[in-house]
């Protein structure tokens, strides 16, 4: 009988402990980040600056950051890849749970585009989605000289 009473008290103590701990306020007010692609608005390539195969050509990509909490991180290739048709996305972060300005910040970053084959190369940059959910790309076709 003493053992049953002991286990009953032990079970009650564990139950109270578990329910009390689960109700503690552990929500953090620290900012957290989400990551994703930012729609591009323009592509600019100075045709006089196009380099031969295996050398980087500077491609200027324009996009808008939506406030001070959005930040550019890098350019990322979007698959599937094709030898003469490269898809790129502007990858960024969004700080959440933080005070931010709502101003639109027009930004231009340089993509170092290094083709592996000569000839016509199409650079496509992700520009968002259409109302049906399909990806939209803006593109620029350049002619890459051989060495």
N, C-alpha and C. Protein backbone atom coordinates (compact mmCIF):
# COMPACT_ATOMS: atom_id res chain seq x y z
N UNK A 1 0.83 -1.19 0.00
CA UNK A 1 0.00 0.00 0.00
C UNK A 1 0.87 1.26 0.00
N UNK A 2 1.99 1.23 0.79
CA UNK A 2 2.87 2.37 0.83
C UNK A 2 3.49 2.62 -0.54
N UNK A 3 3.81 1.54 -1.25
CA UNK A 3 4.43 1.67 -2.56
C UNK A 3 3.45 2.31 -3.55
N UNK A 4 2.19 1.95 -3.50
CA UNK A 4 1.18 2.53 -4.39
C UNK A 4 1.02 4.01 -4.10
N UNK A 5 1.00 4.38 -2.84
CA UNK A 5 0.88 5.78 -2.46
C UNK A 5 2.13 6.55 -2.92
N UNK A 6 3.31 5.94 -2.78
CA UNK A 6 4.55 6.57 -3.21
C UNK A 6 4.53 6.84 -4.72
N UNK A 7 4.13 5.84 -5.52
CA UNK A 7 4.06 6.02 -6.97
C UNK A 7 3.00 7.03 -7.38
N UNK A 8 1.91 7.09 -6.63
CA UNK A 8 0.87 8.08 -6.92
C UNK A 8 1.41 9.50 -6.73
N UNK A 9 2.12 9.72 -5.61
CA UNK A 9 2.72 11.03 -5.35
C UNK A 9 3.80 11.36 -6.39
N UNK A 10 4.59 10.35 -6.73
CA UNK A 10 5.63 10.56 -7.73
C UNK A 10 5.02 10.92 -9.09
N UNK A 11 3.98 10.20 -9.49
CA UNK A 11 3.30 10.49 -10.76
C UNK A 11 2.71 11.90 -10.73
N UNK A 12 2.07 12.28 -9.61
CA UNK A 12 1.49 13.61 -9.49
C UNK A 12 2.57 14.68 -9.56
N UNK A 13 3.69 14.45 -8.91
CA UNK A 13 4.80 15.40 -8.93
C UNK A 13 5.36 15.55 -10.35
N UNK A 14 5.55 14.46 -11.07
CA UNK A 14 6.06 14.50 -12.46
C UNK A 14 5.04 15.21 -13.35
N UNK A 15 3.75 14.91 -13.19
CA UNK A 15 2.71 15.54 -14.00
C UNK A 15 2.69 17.05 -13.79
N UNK A 16 2.75 17.50 -12.57
CA UNK A 16 2.77 18.94 -12.28
C UNK A 16 4.04 19.58 -12.85
N UNK A 17 5.15 18.90 -12.70
CA UNK A 17 6.40 19.44 -13.24
C UNK A 17 6.36 19.60 -14.75
N UNK A 18 5.86 18.60 -15.45
CA UNK A 18 5.81 18.65 -16.91
C UNK A 18 4.84 19.72 -17.38
N UNK A 19 3.68 19.82 -16.78
CA UNK A 19 2.71 20.82 -17.23
C UNK A 19 3.15 22.24 -16.88
N UNK A 20 3.85 22.41 -15.79
CA UNK A 20 4.34 23.74 -15.42
C UNK A 20 5.44 24.20 -16.36
N UNK A 21 6.36 23.33 -16.69
CA UNK A 21 7.46 23.67 -17.58
C UNK A 21 6.92 24.00 -18.97
N UNK A 22 5.93 23.26 -19.45
CA UNK A 22 5.42 23.50 -20.79
C UNK A 22 4.66 24.81 -20.89
N UNK A 23 4.23 25.37 -19.77
CA UNK A 23 3.48 26.62 -19.80
C UNK A 23 4.36 27.84 -19.59
N UNK A 24 5.64 27.65 -19.38
CA UNK A 24 6.52 28.79 -19.19
C UNK A 24 6.62 29.59 -20.47
N UNK A 25 6.76 30.90 -20.35
CA UNK A 25 6.89 31.78 -21.51
C UNK A 25 8.33 31.73 -22.00
N UNK A 26 8.57 30.97 -23.07
CA UNK A 26 9.92 30.88 -23.60
C UNK A 26 10.01 31.51 -24.99
N UNK A 27 8.99 32.28 -25.37
CA UNK A 27 9.03 32.97 -26.66
C UNK A 27 10.12 34.03 -26.63
N UNK A 28 10.91 34.03 -27.63
CA UNK A 28 12.03 34.96 -27.71
C UNK A 28 11.63 36.17 -28.53
N UNK A 29 12.10 37.31 -28.12
CA UNK A 29 11.88 38.53 -28.88
C UNK A 29 13.04 38.80 -29.82
N UNK A 30 13.95 37.84 -29.92
CA UNK A 30 15.08 37.98 -30.83
C UNK A 30 14.59 37.88 -32.26
N UNK A 31 15.20 38.64 -33.17
CA UNK A 31 14.80 38.51 -34.57
C UNK A 31 15.16 37.14 -35.13
N UNK A 32 14.38 36.69 -36.09
CA UNK A 32 14.69 35.46 -36.80
C UNK A 32 14.62 35.77 -38.29
N UNK A 33 15.22 34.91 -39.09
CA UNK A 33 15.38 35.19 -40.51
C UNK A 33 14.67 34.15 -41.35
N UNK A 34 14.11 34.61 -42.47
CA UNK A 34 13.62 33.72 -43.51
C UNK A 34 14.43 34.02 -44.76
N UNK A 35 14.58 33.02 -45.61
CA UNK A 35 15.43 33.15 -46.78
C UNK A 35 14.65 32.81 -48.04
N UNK A 36 15.00 33.47 -49.14
CA UNK A 36 14.34 33.18 -50.40
C UNK A 36 14.85 34.08 -51.51
N UNK A 37 14.23 33.93 -52.67
CA UNK A 37 14.63 34.70 -53.84
C UNK A 37 13.91 36.05 -53.87
N UNK A 38 14.64 37.05 -54.30
CA UNK A 38 14.13 38.41 -54.45
C UNK A 38 13.96 38.66 -55.95
N UNK A 39 12.79 39.14 -56.39
CA UNK A 39 12.59 39.35 -57.83
C UNK A 39 13.54 40.42 -58.40
N UNK A 40 14.15 40.09 -59.54
CA UNK A 40 15.02 41.04 -60.24
C UNK A 40 14.15 41.97 -61.08
N UNK A 41 14.68 43.17 -61.35
CA UNK A 41 13.95 44.14 -62.15
C UNK A 41 14.64 44.44 -63.47
N UNK A 42 15.95 44.21 -63.57
CA UNK A 42 16.68 44.52 -64.81
C UNK A 42 18.01 43.79 -64.86
N UNK A 43 18.49 43.58 -66.09
CA UNK A 43 19.82 43.01 -66.36
C UNK A 43 20.52 43.98 -67.28
N UNK A 44 21.79 44.25 -66.99
CA UNK A 44 22.56 45.14 -67.85
C UNK A 44 23.95 44.55 -68.06
N UNK A 45 24.32 44.41 -69.34
CA UNK A 45 25.65 43.93 -69.69
C UNK A 45 26.23 44.92 -70.69
N UNK A 46 27.38 45.47 -70.36
CA UNK A 46 28.07 46.34 -71.30
C UNK A 46 28.68 45.45 -72.37
N UNK A 47 28.17 45.54 -73.60
CA UNK A 47 28.60 44.63 -74.67
C UNK A 47 30.09 44.73 -74.96
N UNK A 48 30.71 45.88 -74.69
CA UNK A 48 32.15 46.03 -74.91
C UNK A 48 32.98 45.28 -73.86
N UNK A 49 32.36 44.88 -72.76
CA UNK A 49 33.11 44.25 -71.68
C UNK A 49 32.95 42.74 -71.63
N UNK A 50 32.31 42.14 -72.63
CA UNK A 50 32.11 40.69 -72.64
C UNK A 50 33.46 40.00 -72.85
N UNK A 51 33.78 39.10 -71.95
CA UNK A 51 35.07 38.39 -71.96
C UNK A 51 34.96 37.06 -72.69
N UNK A 52 36.08 36.51 -73.14
CA UNK A 52 36.08 35.19 -73.80
C UNK A 52 35.70 34.07 -72.81
N UNK A 53 35.55 32.88 -73.36
CA UNK A 53 35.19 31.69 -72.57
C UNK A 53 36.13 31.53 -71.38
N UNK A 54 35.60 31.08 -70.27
CA UNK A 54 36.32 30.81 -69.02
C UNK A 54 36.84 32.05 -68.31
N UNK A 55 36.43 33.22 -68.75
CA UNK A 55 36.78 34.46 -68.06
C UNK A 55 35.49 35.15 -67.63
N UNK A 56 35.48 35.75 -66.45
CA UNK A 56 34.22 36.35 -65.96
C UNK A 56 33.84 37.64 -66.68
N UNK A 57 32.57 37.73 -66.99
CA UNK A 57 31.97 38.95 -67.54
C UNK A 57 31.07 39.53 -66.47
N UNK A 58 31.17 40.84 -66.27
CA UNK A 58 30.33 41.50 -65.26
C UNK A 58 28.93 41.72 -65.80
N UNK A 59 27.95 41.22 -65.06
CA UNK A 59 26.54 41.39 -65.41
C UNK A 59 25.89 42.12 -64.24
N UNK A 60 25.33 43.29 -64.50
CA UNK A 60 24.68 44.08 -63.45
C UNK A 60 23.22 43.65 -63.33
N UNK A 61 22.84 43.25 -62.12
CA UNK A 61 21.48 42.81 -61.84
C UNK A 61 20.85 43.82 -60.89
N UNK A 62 19.69 44.35 -61.27
CA UNK A 62 18.96 45.30 -60.43
C UNK A 62 17.78 44.59 -59.77
N UNK A 63 17.49 44.97 -58.52
CA UNK A 63 16.35 44.43 -57.78
C UNK A 63 16.00 45.41 -56.67
N UNK A 64 14.82 45.25 -56.11
CA UNK A 64 14.35 46.12 -55.04
C UNK A 64 14.29 45.36 -53.73
N UNK A 65 14.91 45.92 -52.70
CA UNK A 65 14.79 45.38 -51.35
C UNK A 65 13.60 46.08 -50.70
N UNK A 66 12.75 45.30 -50.07
CA UNK A 66 11.54 45.84 -49.46
C UNK A 66 11.80 46.21 -48.00
N UNK A 67 12.46 47.34 -47.79
CA UNK A 67 12.71 47.83 -46.45
C UNK A 67 14.08 47.47 -45.92
N UNK A 68 14.35 47.98 -44.73
CA UNK A 68 15.68 47.81 -44.14
C UNK A 68 15.92 46.41 -43.58
N UNK A 69 14.90 45.58 -43.48
CA UNK A 69 15.08 44.24 -42.94
C UNK A 69 15.38 43.20 -44.01
N UNK A 70 15.35 43.61 -45.27
CA UNK A 70 15.67 42.68 -46.35
C UNK A 70 17.11 42.93 -46.78
N UNK A 71 17.85 41.84 -47.07
CA UNK A 71 19.26 41.97 -47.38
C UNK A 71 19.66 40.99 -48.48
N UNK A 72 20.50 41.45 -49.41
CA UNK A 72 21.06 40.60 -50.45
C UNK A 72 22.13 39.71 -49.84
N UNK A 73 22.13 38.41 -50.21
CA UNK A 73 23.15 37.49 -49.73
C UNK A 73 24.07 37.04 -50.85
N UNK A 74 23.49 36.54 -51.94
CA UNK A 74 24.30 36.01 -53.04
C UNK A 74 23.42 35.75 -54.26
N UNK A 75 24.09 35.45 -55.37
CA UNK A 75 23.40 34.95 -56.55
C UNK A 75 23.45 33.43 -56.50
N UNK A 76 22.33 32.77 -56.87
CA UNK A 76 22.28 31.32 -56.88
C UNK A 76 21.78 30.83 -58.23
N UNK A 77 22.39 29.75 -58.71
CA UNK A 77 21.90 29.12 -59.94
C UNK A 77 20.59 28.41 -59.65
N UNK A 78 19.70 28.47 -60.62
CA UNK A 78 18.42 27.77 -60.52
C UNK A 78 18.47 26.62 -61.52
N UNK A 79 18.18 25.43 -61.06
CA UNK A 79 18.22 24.25 -61.91
C UNK A 79 16.87 24.04 -62.58
N UNK A 80 16.79 23.37 -63.70
CA UNK A 80 17.84 22.66 -64.40
C UNK A 80 18.74 23.61 -65.17
N UNK A 81 19.99 23.21 -65.30
CA UNK A 81 20.98 24.03 -65.99
C UNK A 81 21.12 23.56 -67.43
N UNK A 82 21.42 24.50 -68.30
CA UNK A 82 21.67 24.21 -69.71
C UNK A 82 22.97 24.88 -70.08
N UNK A 83 23.70 24.32 -71.02
CA UNK A 83 25.02 24.86 -71.37
C UNK A 83 24.95 26.31 -71.86
N UNK A 84 23.91 26.67 -72.58
CA UNK A 84 23.83 28.01 -73.16
C UNK A 84 22.69 28.84 -72.58
N UNK A 85 22.07 28.35 -71.53
CA UNK A 85 20.93 29.06 -70.92
C UNK A 85 21.07 28.93 -69.41
N UNK A 86 21.51 29.99 -68.77
CA UNK A 86 21.78 29.97 -67.34
C UNK A 86 20.67 30.72 -66.59
N UNK A 87 20.09 30.06 -65.59
CA UNK A 87 19.07 30.69 -64.75
C UNK A 87 19.70 31.04 -63.41
N UNK A 88 19.49 32.29 -63.00
CA UNK A 88 20.08 32.80 -61.77
C UNK A 88 18.96 33.40 -60.91
N UNK A 89 19.12 33.31 -59.61
CA UNK A 89 18.21 33.95 -58.68
C UNK A 89 18.97 34.85 -57.73
N UNK A 90 18.35 35.97 -57.37
CA UNK A 90 18.90 36.88 -56.36
C UNK A 90 18.42 36.33 -55.01
N UNK A 91 19.35 35.82 -54.20
CA UNK A 91 18.99 35.18 -52.94
C UNK A 91 19.23 36.15 -51.79
N UNK A 92 18.25 36.26 -50.90
CA UNK A 92 18.37 37.20 -49.80
C UNK A 92 17.71 36.71 -48.53
N UNK A 93 17.81 37.55 -47.50
CA UNK A 93 17.21 37.22 -46.21
C UNK A 93 16.23 38.32 -45.80
N UNK A 94 15.28 37.94 -44.97
CA UNK A 94 14.29 38.86 -44.43
C UNK A 94 14.33 38.71 -42.91
N UNK A 95 14.68 39.80 -42.21
CA UNK A 95 14.70 39.76 -40.74
C UNK A 95 13.27 39.98 -40.26
N UNK A 96 12.79 39.07 -39.43
CA UNK A 96 11.44 39.15 -38.88
C UNK A 96 11.51 39.44 -37.39
N UNK A 97 10.41 39.88 -36.84
CA UNK A 97 10.31 40.17 -35.42
C UNK A 97 11.26 41.32 -35.05
N UNK A 98 11.33 42.32 -35.93
CA UNK A 98 12.24 43.43 -35.73
C UNK A 98 11.63 44.69 -36.35
N UNK A 99 12.01 45.84 -35.84
CA UNK A 99 11.54 47.10 -36.40
C UNK A 99 12.29 47.39 -37.69
N UNK A 100 11.55 47.66 -38.75
CA UNK A 100 12.15 47.89 -40.06
C UNK A 100 11.51 49.11 -40.72
N UNK A 101 12.25 49.70 -41.63
CA UNK A 101 11.66 50.75 -42.45
C UNK A 101 10.96 50.09 -43.63
N UNK A 102 9.99 50.76 -44.20
CA UNK A 102 9.23 50.20 -45.32
C UNK A 102 9.63 50.78 -46.66
N UNK A 103 10.70 51.54 -46.71
CA UNK A 103 11.10 52.16 -47.97
C UNK A 103 11.65 51.10 -48.93
N UNK A 104 11.44 51.33 -50.23
CA UNK A 104 11.96 50.45 -51.26
C UNK A 104 13.38 50.89 -51.58
N UNK A 105 14.31 49.95 -51.50
CA UNK A 105 15.72 50.25 -51.73
C UNK A 105 16.14 49.61 -53.05
N UNK A 106 16.30 50.43 -54.08
CA UNK A 106 16.75 49.92 -55.37
C UNK A 106 18.22 49.58 -55.26
N UNK A 107 18.56 48.34 -55.63
CA UNK A 107 19.92 47.83 -55.45
C UNK A 107 20.43 47.25 -56.76
N UNK A 108 21.71 47.45 -57.03
CA UNK A 108 22.37 46.86 -58.19
C UNK A 108 23.60 46.11 -57.70
N UNK A 109 23.69 44.83 -58.05
CA UNK A 109 24.84 44.00 -57.69
C UNK A 109 25.42 43.40 -58.97
N UNK A 110 26.70 43.07 -58.92
CA UNK A 110 27.39 42.53 -60.08
C UNK A 110 27.55 41.03 -59.96
N UNK A 111 27.03 40.33 -60.97
CA UNK A 111 27.19 38.89 -61.10
C UNK A 111 28.41 38.64 -61.97
N UNK A 112 29.32 37.82 -61.51
CA UNK A 112 30.49 37.41 -62.29
C UNK A 112 30.08 36.17 -63.09
N UNK A 113 29.72 36.38 -64.35
CA UNK A 113 29.24 35.31 -65.22
C UNK A 113 30.41 34.73 -66.00
N UNK A 114 30.70 33.43 -65.80
CA UNK A 114 31.83 32.77 -66.45
C UNK A 114 31.31 31.60 -67.29
N UNK A 115 31.08 31.83 -68.60
CA UNK A 115 30.57 30.74 -69.45
C UNK A 115 31.66 29.71 -69.76
N UNK A 116 31.23 28.49 -70.04
CA UNK A 116 32.18 27.42 -70.36
C UNK A 116 32.22 27.12 -71.86
N UNK A 117 31.30 27.71 -72.62
CA UNK A 117 31.29 27.51 -74.07
C UNK A 117 31.15 28.85 -74.77
N UNK A 118 31.70 28.93 -75.98
CA UNK A 118 31.60 30.15 -76.78
C UNK A 118 30.25 30.16 -77.51
N UNK A 119 29.90 31.33 -78.02
CA UNK A 119 28.66 31.47 -78.78
C UNK A 119 27.61 32.21 -77.98
N UNK A 120 26.36 32.06 -78.42
CA UNK A 120 25.26 32.76 -77.74
C UNK A 120 25.00 32.14 -76.38
N UNK A 121 24.91 33.01 -75.39
CA UNK A 121 24.60 32.61 -74.01
C UNK A 121 23.42 33.44 -73.54
N UNK A 122 22.43 32.79 -72.98
CA UNK A 122 21.28 33.51 -72.43
C UNK A 122 21.36 33.47 -70.91
N UNK A 123 21.29 34.63 -70.31
CA UNK A 123 21.28 34.74 -68.85
C UNK A 123 19.86 35.11 -68.45
N UNK A 124 19.24 34.26 -67.66
CA UNK A 124 17.87 34.51 -67.19
C UNK A 124 17.94 34.72 -65.68
N UNK A 125 17.27 35.78 -65.23
CA UNK A 125 17.24 36.09 -63.80
C UNK A 125 15.79 36.05 -63.34
N UNK A 126 15.57 35.35 -62.23
CA UNK A 126 14.21 35.17 -61.70
C UNK A 126 13.62 36.52 -61.34
N UNK A 127 12.39 36.76 -61.83
CA UNK A 127 11.73 38.05 -61.61
C UNK A 127 10.38 37.91 -60.92
N UNK A 128 10.12 36.76 -60.33
CA UNK A 128 8.86 36.58 -59.60
C UNK A 128 8.01 35.48 -60.19
N UNK A 129 6.71 35.53 -59.88
CA UNK A 129 5.76 34.54 -60.37
C UNK A 129 4.57 35.25 -61.00
N UNK A 130 4.00 34.62 -62.01
CA UNK A 130 2.80 35.18 -62.62
C UNK A 130 1.59 34.78 -61.78
N UNK A 131 0.39 35.30 -62.09
CA UNK A 131 -0.79 34.97 -61.27
C UNK A 131 -1.09 33.47 -61.19
N UNK A 132 -0.66 32.70 -62.18
CA UNK A 132 -0.88 31.26 -62.15
C UNK A 132 0.16 30.50 -61.36
N UNK A 133 1.19 31.20 -60.84
CA UNK A 133 2.23 30.56 -60.03
C UNK A 133 3.45 30.12 -60.81
N UNK A 134 3.50 30.42 -62.12
CA UNK A 134 4.66 30.03 -62.92
C UNK A 134 5.77 31.07 -62.76
N UNK A 135 7.02 30.60 -62.79
CA UNK A 135 8.17 31.49 -62.66
C UNK A 135 8.29 32.42 -63.86
N UNK A 136 8.68 33.66 -63.59
CA UNK A 136 8.93 34.66 -64.62
C UNK A 136 10.41 34.98 -64.58
N UNK A 137 11.03 35.09 -65.75
CA UNK A 137 12.45 35.43 -65.85
C UNK A 137 12.61 36.63 -66.79
N UNK A 138 13.57 37.49 -66.48
CA UNK A 138 14.01 38.49 -67.44
C UNK A 138 15.32 37.97 -68.00
N UNK A 139 15.57 38.24 -69.28
CA UNK A 139 16.75 37.62 -69.88
C UNK A 139 17.54 38.59 -70.73
N UNK A 140 18.78 38.20 -70.93
CA UNK A 140 19.72 38.94 -71.77
C UNK A 140 20.55 37.89 -72.51
N UNK A 141 20.65 38.03 -73.83
CA UNK A 141 21.47 37.12 -74.62
C UNK A 141 22.72 37.86 -75.07
N UNK A 142 23.86 37.22 -74.82
CA UNK A 142 25.15 37.81 -75.22
C UNK A 142 25.89 36.80 -76.09
N UNK A 143 26.83 37.29 -76.87
CA UNK A 143 27.68 36.41 -77.67
C UNK A 143 29.07 36.40 -77.05
N UNK A 144 29.45 35.20 -76.59
CA UNK A 144 30.74 35.04 -75.91
C UNK A 144 31.77 34.60 -76.94
N UNK A 145 32.85 35.36 -77.08
CA UNK A 145 33.90 34.97 -78.04
C UNK A 145 34.72 33.81 -77.50
N UNK A 146 35.30 33.03 -78.44
CA UNK A 146 36.22 31.98 -78.02
C UNK A 146 37.53 32.66 -77.64
N UNK A 147 38.41 31.93 -77.06
CA UNK A 147 39.68 32.51 -76.58
C UNK A 147 40.37 33.13 -77.73
